[in-house]
C-alpha atoms as a PDB file:
ATOM      1  CA  MET A   1      36.014  -7.574 -46.336  1.00  0.00           C
ATOM      2  CA  SER A   2      36.588 -11.331 -47.431  1.00  0.00           C
ATOM      3  CA  PRO A   3      37.628 -11.853 -51.261  1.00  0.00           C
ATOM      4  CA  ALA A   4      34.726 -12.503 -53.104  1.00  0.00           C
ATOM      5  CA  ARG A   5      35.432 -16.062 -54.228  1.00  0.00           C
ATOM      6  CA  GLU A   6      34.718 -16.902 -50.561  1.00  0.00           C
ATOM      7  CA  LEU A   7      31.213 -15.381 -50.310  1.00  0.00           C
ATOM      8  CA  ILE A   8      28.746 -17.757 -51.311  1.00  0.00           C
ATOM      9  CA  LEU A   9      25.657 -14.758 -50.697  1.00  0.00           C
ATOM     10  CA  GLU A  10      26.012 -11.477 -50.618  1.00  0.00           C
ATOM     11  CA  LEU A  11      22.962  -8.920 -50.576  1.00  0.00           C
ATOM     12  CA  ASP A  12      23.753  -5.466 -52.195  1.00  0.00           C
ATOM     13  CA  GLN A  13      20.933  -3.319 -50.730  1.00  0.00           C
ATOM     14  CA  VAL A  14      17.982  -5.078 -50.811  1.00  0.00           C
ATOM     15  CA  ARG A  15      14.325  -3.194 -50.830  1.00  0.00           C
ATOM     16  CA  ALA A  16      11.470  -5.293 -50.291  1.00  0.00           C
ATOM     17  CA  SER A  17       7.630  -4.728 -49.227  1.00  0.00           C
ATOM     18  CA  TYR A  18       4.768  -6.295 -48.568  1.00  0.00           C
ATOM     19  CA  GLY A  19       2.031  -4.066 -50.275  1.00  0.00           C
ATOM     20  CA  ALA A  20       2.687  -0.697 -49.221  1.00  0.00           C
ATOM     21  CA  VAL A  21       4.464  -1.395 -46.107  1.00  0.00           C
ATOM     22  CA  GLU A  22       8.110  -1.349 -47.270  1.00  0.00           C
ATOM     23  CA  VAL A  23      10.225  -3.945 -44.867  1.00  0.00           C
ATOM     24  CA  LEU A  24      13.433  -3.680 -45.875  1.00  0.00           C
ATOM     25  CA  ARG A  25      15.339  -0.337 -46.517  1.00  0.00           C
ATOM     26  CA  GLY A  26      18.445  -0.977 -48.435  1.00  0.00           C
ATOM     27  CA  VAL A  27      19.830  -4.281 -46.655  1.00  0.00           C
ATOM     28  CA  ASN A  28      23.624  -5.351 -47.195  1.00  0.00           C
ATOM     29  CA  PHE A  29      23.908  -8.941 -45.871  1.00  0.00           C
ATOM     30  CA  THR A  30      26.776 -11.387 -46.560  1.00  0.00           C
ATOM     31  CA  VAL A  31      27.367 -15.338 -45.548  1.00  0.00           C
ATOM     32  CA  ARG A  32      30.906 -17.084 -46.125  1.00  0.00           C
ATOM     33  CA  LYS A  33      31.196 -20.475 -47.326  1.00  0.00           C
ATOM     34  CA  GLY A  34      31.338 -22.517 -43.935  1.00  0.00           C
ATOM     35  CA  GLU A  35      30.156 -20.059 -42.189  1.00  0.00           C
ATOM     36  CA  VAL A  36      27.303 -20.039 -39.773  1.00  0.00           C
ATOM     37  CA  VAL A  37      25.643 -16.391 -39.148  1.00  0.00           C
ATOM     38  CA  ALA A  38      22.983 -15.145 -36.509  1.00  0.00           C
ATOM     39  CA  LEU A  39      20.313 -12.895 -37.645  1.00  0.00           C
ATOM     40  CA  LEU A  40      18.578 -11.109 -35.097  1.00  0.00           C
ATOM     41  CA  GLY A  41      16.202  -8.455 -34.227  1.00  0.00           C
ATOM     42  CA  THR A  42      12.683  -7.499 -32.808  1.00  0.00           C
ATOM     43  CA  ASN A  43       9.508  -8.949 -33.920  1.00  0.00           C
ATOM     44  CA  GLY A  44       8.700  -7.481 -37.478  1.00  0.00           C
ATOM     45  CA  ALA A  45      12.408  -5.966 -38.122  1.00  0.00           C
ATOM     46  CA  GLY A  46      12.529  -7.985 -41.619  1.00  0.00           C
ATOM     47  CA  LYS A  47      14.595 -10.871 -40.687  1.00  0.00           C
ATOM     48  CA  SER A  48      12.278 -13.570 -42.195  1.00  0.00           C
ATOM     49  CA  THR A  49      11.634 -11.322 -44.640  1.00  0.00           C
ATOM     50  CA  ILE A  50      15.749 -11.468 -45.737  1.00  0.00           C
ATOM     51  CA  LEU A  51      15.049 -15.426 -46.153  1.00  0.00           C
ATOM     52  CA  ARG A  52      11.664 -15.339 -48.305  1.00  0.00           C
ATOM     53  CA  CYS A  53      13.610 -12.830 -50.265  1.00  0.00           C
ATOM     54  CA  VAL A  54      17.011 -15.128 -50.797  1.00  0.00           C
ATOM     55  CA  SER A  55      14.990 -18.279 -51.334  1.00  0.00           C
ATOM     56  CA  GLY A  56      12.306 -16.505 -53.629  1.00  0.00           C
ATOM     57  CA  LEU A  57       8.649 -16.504 -51.503  1.00  0.00           C
ATOM     58  CA  LEU A  58       8.963 -12.832 -52.160  1.00  0.00           C
ATOM     59  CA  LYS A  59       9.903 -10.867 -54.792  1.00  0.00           C
ATOM     60  CA  THR A  60      12.388  -7.907 -53.712  1.00  0.00           C
ATOM     61  CA  ASP A  61      11.688  -3.765 -54.997  1.00  0.00           C
ATOM     62  CA  ALA A  62      15.873  -3.399 -55.739  1.00  0.00           C
ATOM     63  CA  GLY A  63      18.985  -4.750 -54.790  1.00  0.00           C
ATOM     64  CA  GLU A  64      20.686  -7.741 -56.071  1.00  0.00           C
ATOM     65  CA  ILE A  65      20.956 -11.019 -53.913  1.00  0.00           C
ATOM     66  CA  ARG A  66      24.236 -12.666 -55.467  1.00  0.00           C
ATOM     67  CA  TYR A  67      24.229 -16.690 -54.923  1.00  0.00           C
ATOM     68  CA  GLU A  68      27.580 -18.077 -55.754  1.00  0.00           C
ATOM     69  CA  GLY A  69      28.517 -14.921 -57.955  1.00  0.00           C
ATOM     70  CA  GLN A  70      24.610 -15.371 -59.462  1.00  0.00           C
ATOM     71  CA  ASN A  71      22.400 -12.593 -59.078  1.00  0.00           C
ATOM     72  CA  ILE A  72      19.072 -14.837 -58.145  1.00  0.00           C
ATOM     73  CA  ALA A  73      16.556 -11.843 -57.005  1.00  0.00           C
ATOM     74  CA  GLY A  74      13.451 -12.466 -57.946  1.00  0.00           C
ATOM     75  CA  MET A  75      14.496 -16.210 -59.184  1.00  0.00           C
ATOM     76  CA  ALA A  76      11.697 -18.881 -58.951  1.00  0.00           C
ATOM     77  CA  THR A  77      11.732 -20.897 -55.422  1.00  0.00           C
ATOM     78  CA  GLU A  78      12.291 -24.165 -57.008  1.00  0.00           C
ATOM     79  CA  ASP A  79      15.206 -23.069 -58.642  1.00  0.00           C
ATOM     80  CA  THR A  80      16.883 -21.264 -55.708  1.00  0.00           C
ATOM     81  CA  VAL A  81      16.300 -24.389 -54.434  1.00  0.00           C
ATOM     82  CA  ARG A  82      17.993 -26.371 -57.097  1.00  0.00           C
ATOM     83  CA  LEU A  83      20.893 -24.437 -56.463  1.00  0.00           C
ATOM     84  CA  GLY A  84      21.774 -25.461 -53.053  1.00  0.00           C
ATOM     85  CA  ILE A  85      19.065 -23.013 -51.152  1.00  0.00           C
ATOM     86  CA  THR A  86      16.750 -24.889 -48.149  1.00  0.00           C
ATOM     87  CA  GLN A  87      14.824 -23.340 -45.677  1.00  0.00           C
ATOM     88  CA  VAL A  88      13.241 -24.295 -42.644  1.00  0.00           C
ATOM     89  CA  PRO A  89      10.361 -22.168 -41.869  1.00  0.00           C
ATOM     90  CA  GLY A  90       9.100 -20.761 -38.958  1.00  0.00           C
ATOM     91  CA  GLY A  91       6.532 -22.720 -37.198  1.00  0.00           C
ATOM     92  CA  ARG A  92       7.777 -25.878 -39.252  1.00  0.00           C
ATOM     93  CA  GLY A  93       5.528 -26.057 -42.214  1.00  0.00           C
ATOM     94  CA  LEU A  94       4.872 -29.252 -42.153  1.00  0.00           C
ATOM     95  CA  LEU A  95       2.149 -31.677 -43.449  1.00  0.00           C
ATOM     96  CA  PRO A  96       0.676 -33.131 -40.623  1.00  0.00           C
ATOM     97  CA  ASN A  97      -1.507 -35.731 -42.350  1.00  0.00           C
ATOM     98  CA  LEU A  98       1.202 -37.102 -44.535  1.00  0.00           C
ATOM     99  CA  SER A  99       4.143 -39.426 -42.838  1.00  0.00           C
ATOM    100  CA  VAL A 100       7.405 -38.481 -42.330  1.00  0.00           C
ATOM    101  CA  GLU A 101       8.861 -40.028 -45.053  1.00  0.00           C
ATOM    102  CA  GLU A 102       6.064 -38.369 -47.319  1.00  0.00           C
ATOM    103  CA  ASN A 103       6.943 -34.812 -45.628  1.00  0.00           C
ATOM    104  CA  LEU A 104      10.826 -35.724 -46.980  1.00  0.00           C
ATOM    105  CA  ARG A 105       9.816 -36.759 -50.224  1.00  0.00           C
ATOM    106  CA  MET A 106       8.139 -33.593 -50.654  1.00  0.00           C
ATOM    107  CA  GLY A 107      11.834 -31.908 -49.646  1.00  0.00           C
ATOM    108  CA  ALA A 108      12.940 -33.857 -52.791  1.00  0.00           C
ATOM    109  CA  TYR A 109       9.956 -32.581 -55.136  1.00  0.00           C
ATOM    110  CA  PRO A 110      12.595 -30.972 -57.459  1.00  0.00           C
ATOM    111  CA  ILE A 111      14.834 -33.787 -57.987  1.00  0.00           C
ATOM    112  CA  ARG A 112      11.903 -36.591 -57.796  1.00  0.00           C
ATOM    113  CA  ARG A 113      12.438 -38.390 -60.971  1.00  0.00           C
ATOM    114  CA  GLN A 114      16.395 -39.120 -59.657  1.00  0.00           C
ATOM    115  CA  ARG A 115      15.857 -42.028 -57.551  1.00  0.00           C
ATOM    116  CA  ALA A 116      19.184 -42.409 -56.667  1.00  0.00           C
ATOM    117  CA  LYS A 117      19.312 -38.660 -55.193  1.00  0.00           C
ATOM    118  CA  VAL A 118      16.391 -39.128 -53.380  1.00  0.00           C
ATOM    119  CA  LYS A 119      17.281 -42.131 -51.776  1.00  0.00           C
ATOM    120  CA  ALA A 120      20.621 -41.129 -51.102  1.00  0.00           C
ATOM    121  CA  GLY A 121      18.654 -37.900 -48.994  1.00  0.00           C
ATOM    122  CA  TYR A 122      16.532 -40.493 -47.585  1.00  0.00           C
ATOM    123  CA  ASP A 123      19.985 -42.653 -46.216  1.00  0.00           C
ATOM    124  CA  ARG A 124      21.502 -38.833 -45.258  1.00  0.00           C
ATOM    125  CA  VAL A 125      18.516 -37.691 -43.133  1.00  0.00           C
ATOM    126  CA  TYR A 126      17.780 -41.216 -41.326  1.00  0.00           C
ATOM    127  CA  GLY A 127      21.451 -40.969 -40.874  1.00  0.00           C
ATOM    128  CA  ILE A 128      20.995 -38.126 -38.759  1.00  0.00           C
ATOM    129  CA  PHE A 129      18.068 -38.485 -37.195  1.00  0.00           C
ATOM    130  CA  PRO A 130      17.412 -41.871 -36.550  1.00  0.00           C
ATOM    131  CA  ARG A 131      14.167 -41.504 -34.566  1.00  0.00           C
ATOM    132  CA  LEU A 132      12.717 -40.152 -37.881  1.00  0.00           C
ATOM    133  CA  ALA A 133      14.045 -43.505 -39.330  1.00  0.00           C
ATOM    134  CA  GLU A 134      12.172 -45.347 -36.264  1.00  0.00           C
ATOM    135  CA  ARG A 135       8.864 -43.326 -37.082  1.00  0.00           C
ATOM    136  CA  ARG A 136       9.070 -43.186 -40.996  1.00  0.00           C
ATOM    137  CA  ARG A 137       5.299 -44.042 -41.432  1.00  0.00           C
ATOM    138  CA  GLN A 138       4.134 -42.179 -38.563  1.00  0.00           C
ATOM    139  CA  LEU A 139       1.832 -38.910 -39.383  1.00  0.00           C
ATOM    140  CA  ALA A 140       3.741 -36.050 -38.990  1.00  0.00           C
ATOM    141  CA  GLY A 141       0.760 -34.285 -36.895  1.00  0.00           C
ATOM    142  CA  LEU A 142       1.622 -36.934 -34.389  1.00  0.00           C
ATOM    143  CA  LEU A 143       5.041 -35.652 -33.854  1.00  0.00           C
ATOM    144  CA  SER A 144       6.449 -34.395 -30.789  1.00  0.00           C
ATOM    145  CA  GLY A 145       7.691 -30.770 -30.908  1.00  0.00           C
ATOM    146  CA  GLY A 146      11.260 -31.472 -31.138  1.00  0.00           C
ATOM    147  CA  GLU A 147      10.733 -34.440 -33.862  1.00  0.00           C
ATOM    148  CA  GLY A 148       8.610 -32.111 -35.443  1.00  0.00           C
ATOM    149  CA  GLN A 149      11.605 -29.515 -35.614  1.00  0.00           C
ATOM    150  CA  MET A 150      13.978 -32.847 -37.103  1.00  0.00           C
ATOM    151  CA  LEU A 151      11.568 -33.478 -39.710  1.00  0.00           C
ATOM    152  CA  ALA A 152      11.633 -30.018 -40.613  1.00  0.00           C
ATOM    153  CA  ILE A 153      15.381 -29.937 -40.424  1.00  0.00           C
ATOM    154  CA  GLY A 154      15.850 -33.344 -42.412  1.00  0.00           C
ATOM    155  CA  ARG A 155      13.268 -31.959 -45.307  1.00  0.00           C
ATOM    156  CA  ALA A 156      15.668 -29.451 -45.736  1.00  0.00           C
ATOM    157  CA  LEU A 157      18.612 -31.687 -46.029  1.00  0.00           C
ATOM    158  CA  MET A 158      16.829 -34.024 -48.636  1.00  0.00           C
ATOM    159  CA  LEU A 159      18.331 -31.903 -51.592  1.00  0.00           C
ATOM    160  CA  GLU A 160      22.264 -32.321 -50.173  1.00  0.00           C
ATOM    161  CA  PRO A 161      22.102 -28.014 -49.624  1.00  0.00           C
ATOM    162  CA  LYS A 162      24.993 -25.722 -49.794  1.00  0.00           C
ATOM    163  CA  LEU A 163      23.268 -22.995 -47.778  1.00  0.00           C
ATOM    164  CA  MET A 164      20.708 -23.617 -45.084  1.00  0.00           C
ATOM    165  CA  MET A 165      18.177 -20.766 -43.454  1.00  0.00           C
ATOM    166  CA  ILE A 166      16.949 -22.192 -40.469  1.00  0.00           C
ATOM    167  CA  ASP A 167      14.288 -19.685 -39.156  1.00  0.00           C
ATOM    168  CA  GLU A 168      13.634 -20.418 -35.228  1.00  0.00           C
ATOM    169  CA  LEU A 169      15.459 -23.422 -34.288  1.00  0.00           C
ATOM    170  CA  SER A 170      14.193 -23.213 -30.458  1.00  0.00           C
ATOM    171  CA  LEU A 171      10.804 -21.962 -30.645  1.00  0.00           C
ATOM    172  CA  GLY A 172       8.645 -24.474 -27.755  1.00  0.00           C
ATOM    173  CA  LEU A 173      11.573 -26.570 -27.122  1.00  0.00           C
ATOM    174  CA  ALA A 174      12.676 -27.744 -24.100  1.00  0.00           C
ATOM    175  CA  PRO A 175      16.383 -26.628 -23.284  1.00  0.00           C
ATOM    176  CA  LEU A 176      17.262 -30.896 -23.661  1.00  0.00           C
ATOM    177  CA  ILE A 177      15.956 -31.245 -27.354  1.00  0.00           C
ATOM    178  CA  VAL A 178      17.704 -27.386 -28.291  1.00  0.00           C
ATOM    179  CA  GLN A 179      20.913 -29.081 -27.023  1.00  0.00           C
ATOM    180  CA  GLN A 180      20.587 -31.671 -29.378  1.00  0.00           C
ATOM    181  CA  LEU A 181      19.239 -29.765 -32.312  1.00  0.00           C
ATOM    182  CA  VAL A 182      22.399 -27.335 -31.431  1.00  0.00           C
ATOM    183  CA  LYS A 183      24.803 -30.305 -31.980  1.00  0.00           C
ATOM    184  CA  ILE A 184      23.281 -31.457 -35.121  1.00  0.00           C
ATOM    185  CA  VAL A 185      23.326 -28.413 -36.782  1.00  0.00           C
ATOM    186  CA  ARG A 186      26.823 -27.664 -35.839  1.00  0.00           C
ATOM    187  CA  ASP A 187      27.740 -31.427 -37.462  1.00  0.00           C
ATOM    188  CA  ILE A 188      25.731 -29.935 -40.483  1.00  0.00           C
ATOM    189  CA  ASN A 189      27.785 -26.915 -40.732  1.00  0.00           C
ATOM    190  CA  ALA A 190      30.940 -29.356 -40.331  1.00  0.00           C
ATOM    191  CA  SER A 191      29.565 -31.242 -43.568  1.00  0.00           C
ATOM    192  CA  GLY A 192      30.264 -27.741 -45.323  1.00  0.00           C
ATOM    193  CA  VAL A 193      27.056 -26.251 -45.216  1.00  0.00           C
ATOM    194  CA  SER A 194      26.578 -22.254 -44.783  1.00  0.00           C
ATOM    195  CA  ILE A 195      23.872 -21.690 -42.150  1.00  0.00           C
ATOM    196  CA  ILE A 196      21.872 -18.736 -41.919  1.00  0.00           C
ATOM    197  CA  LEU A 197      19.966 -18.706 -38.105  1.00  0.00           C
ATOM    198  CA  VAL A 198      17.156 -16.236 -37.348  1.00  0.00           C
ATOM    199  CA  GLU A 199      16.560 -17.106 -33.737  1.00  0.00           C
ATOM    200  CA  GLN A 200      14.541 -15.769 -30.544  1.00  0.00           C
ATOM    201  CA  SER A 201      17.422 -16.713 -27.865  1.00  0.00           C
ATOM    202  CA  ALA A 202      20.251 -14.577 -28.732  1.00  0.00           C
ATOM    203  CA  ASN A 203      22.557 -16.015 -26.635  1.00  0.00           C
ATOM    204  CA  LEU A 204      21.712 -19.544 -28.046  1.00  0.00           C
ATOM    205  CA  ALA A 205      22.027 -17.991 -31.557  1.00  0.00           C
ATOM    206  CA  LEU A 206      25.441 -16.051 -30.970  1.00  0.00           C
ATOM    207  CA  SER A 207      27.011 -19.551 -28.895  1.00  0.00           C
ATOM    208  CA  ILE A 208      26.875 -21.174 -32.179  1.00  0.00           C
ATOM    209  CA  THR A 209      27.225 -18.596 -34.650  1.00  0.00           C
ATOM    210  CA  ASP A 210      30.577 -16.691 -36.224  1.00  0.00           C
ATOM    211  CA  HIS A 211      29.102 -13.847 -37.279  1.00  0.00           C
ATOM    212  CA  ALA A 212      26.265 -11.826 -36.502  1.00  0.00           C
ATOM    213  CA  TYR A 213      23.959  -9.038 -37.865  1.00  0.00           C
ATOM    214  CA  PHE A 214      21.403  -7.427 -35.692  1.00  0.00           C
ATOM    215  CA  ILE A 215      18.192  -5.487 -38.042  1.00  0.00           C
ATOM    216  CA  GLU A 216      15.558  -2.948 -36.344  1.00  0.00           C
ATOM    217  CA  LYS A 217      12.920  -1.682 -39.060  1.00  0.00           C
ATOM    218  CA  GLY A 218      14.234  -2.566 -42.238  1.00  0.00           C
ATOM    219  CA  GLN A 219      17.813  -1.789 -41.681  1.00  0.00           C
ATOM    220  CA  LEU A 220      20.850  -3.008 -40.188  1.00  0.00           C
ATOM    221  CA  ARG A 221      22.147  -1.751 -36.784  1.00  0.00           C
ATOM    222  CA  PHE A 222      25.165  -4.279 -36.091  1.00  0.00           C
ATOM    223  CA  ASP A 223      27.404  -6.313 -38.599  1.00  0.00           C
ATOM    224  CA  GLY A 224      30.238  -8.009 -36.823  1.00  0.00           C
ATOM    225  CA  SER A 225      31.523 -10.962 -34.807  1.00  0.00           C
ATOM    226  CA  SER A 226      28.930 -12.825 -32.726  1.00  0.00           C
ATOM    227  CA  LYS A 227      31.079 -12.048 -29.536  1.00  0.00           C
ATOM    228  CA  GLU A 228      30.808  -8.310 -30.405  1.00  0.00           C
ATOM    229  CA  LEU A 229      27.707  -8.336 -30.308  1.00  0.00           C
ATOM    230  CA  LEU A 230      27.402 -10.107 -26.986  1.00  0.00           C
ATOM    231  CA  GLU A 231      28.860  -7.170 -25.217  1.00  0.00           C
ATOM    232  CA  ARG A 232      26.207  -4.776 -26.668  1.00  0.00           C
ATOM    233  CA  ASP A 233      23.724  -4.640 -24.437  1.00  0.00           C
ATOM    234  CA  ASP A 234      21.370  -1.936 -26.003  1.00  0.00           C
ATOM    235  CA  LEU A 235      20.586  -4.341 -28.602  1.00  0.00           C
ATOM    236  CA  LEU A 236      20.295  -7.233 -27.421  1.00  0.00           C
ATOM    237  CA  ARG A 237      17.690  -5.608 -24.927  1.00  0.00           C
ATOM    238  CA  SER A 238      15.738  -5.144 -27.413  1.00  0.00           C
ATOM    239  CA  VAL A 239      15.555  -8.944 -28.841  1.00  0.00           C
ATOM    240  CA  PHE A 240      14.939 -10.074 -25.489  1.00  0.00           C
ATOM    241  CA  LEU A 241      11.818  -7.716 -25.067  1.00  0.00           C
ATOM    242  CA  ALA A 242      10.566  -8.376 -28.397  1.00  0.00           C
ATOM    243  CA  ALA A 243      10.717 -12.352 -27.166  1.00  0.00           C
ATOM    244  CA  ALA A 244       8.521 -11.484 -24.004  1.00  0.00           C
ATOM    245  CA  ARG A 245       6.098  -9.556 -25.564  1.00  0.00           C
END
């Protein structure tokens, strides 16, 4: 196992529920600094729930979530964001009646009074996504699907994160757009950002990640290299069948 100093995130026996329904049943999960991790599984397996627990959107029932050695389980979302954890939610979660730049400003809300940092965030996002710079005054609801995903990623980049969690990068997008986004994700990772990728396309996720986890019914069934998971037809078939349904 990697030394603790190399870990940016560690989930230890995490349990979580929605009402009376337990969704996570003792999950152990780690991300190393600078690593891209794939989180795969069937629909309703608990993938997005893991992200919600890490970001503070859902309170855990038990276990610890250690980020850079600090237990953040139960911490408010605004505080986890300040620590450097950002999330690109499934469905993008944009504010359609606000402009591109106003959506980005919402991503910088925790540092809104630090004008230099907010400006640096705009510069960073527009440097990565020139198309967003061209459309900065356009309403987010009028963007194409690919542009909307760029904006969702850009909003998560406004705070210069250390850990970015992306829920369904390719959902509903044309292959050419997905290829462009994959290159951007790789570039973001190369800049030092650790990434958790929840992805409907198992082949896509495994092609750009180092390590993979497969979760089913709230429990991990696979923990190993992405290359190894590509050889597990039994697990991948579950993902593809769930996506087809």
